[in-house]
Amino acid sequence: MVGARSVIEIQWSRGRLFVKVLTTITRAIHLEKNIDYELTMSLIGESSCQAILRYYCSA
């Protein structure tokens, strides 16, 4: 897809970790998809997930 790019945002919400994948197409259409913790671990690694959880839980 020409002009498309993906941005990954990580959120902590209601006791769950979400990764939001935003795909911005040339006409600024946003597709959002929430991915669960297990898939998040497979994407960014368990140690990264735990570091994010520690950061959000201590804030």
N, C-alpha and C. Protein backbone atom coordinates (compact mmCIF):
# COMPACT_ATOMS: atom_id res chain seq x y z
N MET A 1 0.84 -1.18 0.00
CA MET A 1 0.00 0.00 0.00
C MET A 1 0.88 1.24 0.00
N VAL A 2 0.74 2.06 -1.01
CA VAL A 2 1.60 3.23 -1.15
C VAL A 2 1.21 4.29 -0.14
N GLY A 3 2.20 4.87 0.51
CA GLY A 3 1.95 5.95 1.45
C GLY A 3 1.45 5.50 2.82
N ALA A 4 1.47 4.20 3.08
CA ALA A 4 1.01 3.71 4.38
C ALA A 4 2.20 3.52 5.31
N ARG A 5 1.95 3.76 6.60
CA ARG A 5 2.98 3.48 7.59
C ARG A 5 2.31 3.04 8.86
N SER A 6 3.02 2.28 9.65
CA SER A 6 2.45 1.76 10.90
C SER A 6 3.18 2.37 12.08
N VAL A 7 2.42 2.71 13.10
CA VAL A 7 2.98 3.23 14.34
C VAL A 7 2.45 2.34 15.46
N ILE A 8 3.34 1.90 16.33
CA ILE A 8 2.92 1.06 17.44
C ILE A 8 2.92 1.89 18.71
N GLU A 9 1.78 1.92 19.39
CA GLU A 9 1.66 2.60 20.68
C GLU A 9 1.35 1.56 21.74
N ILE A 10 1.98 1.70 22.89
CA ILE A 10 1.73 0.76 23.98
C ILE A 10 0.97 1.49 25.07
N GLN A 11 -0.14 0.90 25.52
CA GLN A 11 -0.97 1.52 26.54
C GLN A 11 -1.23 0.53 27.68
N TRP A 12 -1.39 1.10 28.88
CA TRP A 12 -1.81 0.31 30.03
C TRP A 12 -3.21 0.78 30.38
N SER A 13 -4.19 -0.13 30.33
CA SER A 13 -5.57 0.28 30.54
C SER A 13 -6.34 -0.80 31.30
N ARG A 14 -6.97 -0.40 32.41
CA ARG A 14 -7.81 -1.31 33.19
C ARG A 14 -7.11 -2.62 33.52
N GLY A 15 -5.86 -2.52 33.93
CA GLY A 15 -5.13 -3.71 34.34
C GLY A 15 -4.65 -4.58 33.20
N ARG A 16 -4.73 -4.08 31.96
CA ARG A 16 -4.25 -4.87 30.83
C ARG A 16 -3.34 -4.02 29.96
N LEU A 17 -2.40 -4.70 29.35
CA LEU A 17 -1.46 -4.03 28.45
C LEU A 17 -1.97 -4.17 27.03
N PHE A 18 -2.04 -3.06 26.33
CA PHE A 18 -2.48 -3.09 24.95
C PHE A 18 -1.43 -2.49 24.04
N VAL A 19 -1.31 -3.06 22.87
CA VAL A 19 -0.50 -2.44 21.84
C VAL A 19 -1.46 -2.01 20.75
N LYS A 20 -1.43 -0.74 20.44
CA LYS A 20 -2.31 -0.21 19.43
C LYS A 20 -1.49 -0.01 18.15
N VAL A 21 -1.90 -0.68 17.10
CA VAL A 21 -1.20 -0.53 15.83
C VAL A 21 -2.01 0.43 14.98
N LEU A 22 -1.43 1.57 14.72
CA LEU A 22 -2.10 2.58 13.91
C LEU A 22 -1.49 2.58 12.52
N THR A 23 -2.30 2.32 11.54
CA THR A 23 -1.83 2.36 10.16
C THR A 23 -2.43 3.59 9.51
N THR A 24 -1.57 4.50 9.13
CA THR A 24 -2.04 5.74 8.53
C THR A 24 -1.89 5.64 7.02
N ILE A 25 -2.99 5.72 6.33
CA ILE A 25 -2.99 5.67 4.88
C ILE A 25 -2.95 7.12 4.37
N THR A 26 -2.66 7.31 3.11
CA THR A 26 -2.45 8.65 2.56
C THR A 26 -3.60 9.60 2.86
N ARG A 27 -4.80 9.10 2.95
CA ARG A 27 -5.94 9.98 3.22
C ARG A 27 -6.26 10.07 4.71
N ALA A 28 -5.28 9.79 5.55
CA ALA A 28 -5.40 9.93 7.00
C ALA A 28 -6.51 9.05 7.59
N ILE A 29 -6.66 7.87 7.05
CA ILE A 29 -7.59 6.91 7.62
C ILE A 29 -6.81 6.10 8.66
N HIS A 30 -7.34 6.00 9.86
CA HIS A 30 -6.65 5.28 10.93
C HIS A 30 -7.34 3.95 11.19
N LEU A 31 -6.56 2.90 11.15
CA LEU A 31 -7.07 1.58 11.51
C LEU A 31 -6.44 1.21 12.84
N GLU A 32 -7.25 0.91 13.80
CA GLU A 32 -6.74 0.58 15.12
C GLU A 32 -7.03 -0.87 15.44
N LYS A 33 -6.06 -1.50 16.07
CA LYS A 33 -6.25 -2.89 16.47
C LYS A 33 -5.59 -3.09 17.82
N ASN A 34 -6.36 -3.55 18.77
CA ASN A 34 -5.80 -3.86 20.08
C ASN A 34 -5.31 -5.30 20.09
N ILE A 35 -4.13 -5.48 20.62
CA ILE A 35 -3.49 -6.79 20.65
C ILE A 35 -3.29 -7.18 22.10
N ASP A 36 -3.57 -8.41 22.43
CA ASP A 36 -3.48 -8.81 23.83
C ASP A 36 -2.03 -9.01 24.29
N TYR A 37 -1.89 -9.24 25.59
CA TYR A 37 -0.57 -9.29 26.22
C TYR A 37 0.33 -10.37 25.62
N GLU A 38 -0.25 -11.55 25.32
CA GLU A 38 0.56 -12.64 24.80
C GLU A 38 1.15 -12.29 23.44
N LEU A 39 0.33 -11.67 22.59
CA LEU A 39 0.83 -11.27 21.28
C LEU A 39 1.83 -10.13 21.42
N THR A 40 1.58 -9.25 22.38
CA THR A 40 2.52 -8.17 22.64
C THR A 40 3.89 -8.73 23.01
N MET A 41 3.89 -9.75 23.87
CA MET A 41 5.16 -10.36 24.27
C MET A 41 5.89 -10.94 23.06
N SER A 42 5.14 -11.54 22.15
CA SER A 42 5.79 -12.13 20.99
C SER A 42 6.34 -11.06 20.05
N LEU A 43 5.74 -9.86 20.10
CA LEU A 43 6.20 -8.77 19.23
C LEU A 43 7.43 -8.05 19.79
N ILE A 44 7.37 -7.70 21.08
CA ILE A 44 8.44 -6.87 21.64
C ILE A 44 9.26 -7.58 22.70
N GLY A 45 8.88 -8.80 23.04
CA GLY A 45 9.66 -9.56 24.02
C GLY A 45 9.13 -9.40 25.43
N GLU A 46 9.25 -10.48 26.20
CA GLU A 46 8.70 -10.50 27.55
C GLU A 46 9.38 -9.49 28.45
N SER A 47 10.70 -9.34 28.34
CA SER A 47 11.40 -8.41 29.22
C SER A 47 10.96 -6.97 28.95
N SER A 48 10.70 -6.63 27.70
CA SER A 48 10.21 -5.29 27.38
C SER A 48 8.83 -5.07 27.97
N CYS A 49 7.96 -6.08 27.88
CA CYS A 49 6.62 -5.98 28.48
C CYS A 49 6.71 -5.77 29.98
N GLN A 50 7.57 -6.52 30.63
CA GLN A 50 7.71 -6.40 32.08
C GLN A 50 8.25 -5.03 32.47
N ALA A 51 9.16 -4.50 31.67
CA ALA A 51 9.70 -3.17 31.94
C ALA A 51 8.61 -2.12 31.80
N ILE A 52 7.75 -2.27 30.80
CA ILE A 52 6.65 -1.34 30.61
C ILE A 52 5.66 -1.43 31.78
N LEU A 53 5.36 -2.65 32.20
CA LEU A 53 4.45 -2.84 33.34
C LEU A 53 5.02 -2.20 34.59
N ARG A 54 6.32 -2.39 34.85
CA ARG A 54 6.94 -1.79 36.04
C ARG A 54 6.85 -0.27 35.97
N TYR A 55 7.08 0.28 34.79
CA TYR A 55 7.02 1.73 34.61
C TYR A 55 5.62 2.26 34.93
N TYR A 56 4.60 1.62 34.34
CA TYR A 56 3.23 2.11 34.54
C TYR A 56 2.73 1.85 35.95
N CYS A 57 3.12 0.73 36.54
CA CYS A 57 2.65 0.42 37.89
C CYS A 57 3.30 1.31 38.94
N SER A 58 4.50 1.81 38.66
CA SER A 58 5.19 2.65 39.63
C SER A 58 4.83 4.13 39.46
N ALA A 59 4.17 4.47 38.36
CA ALA A 59 3.85 5.88 38.08
C ALA A 59 2.70 6.35 38.96
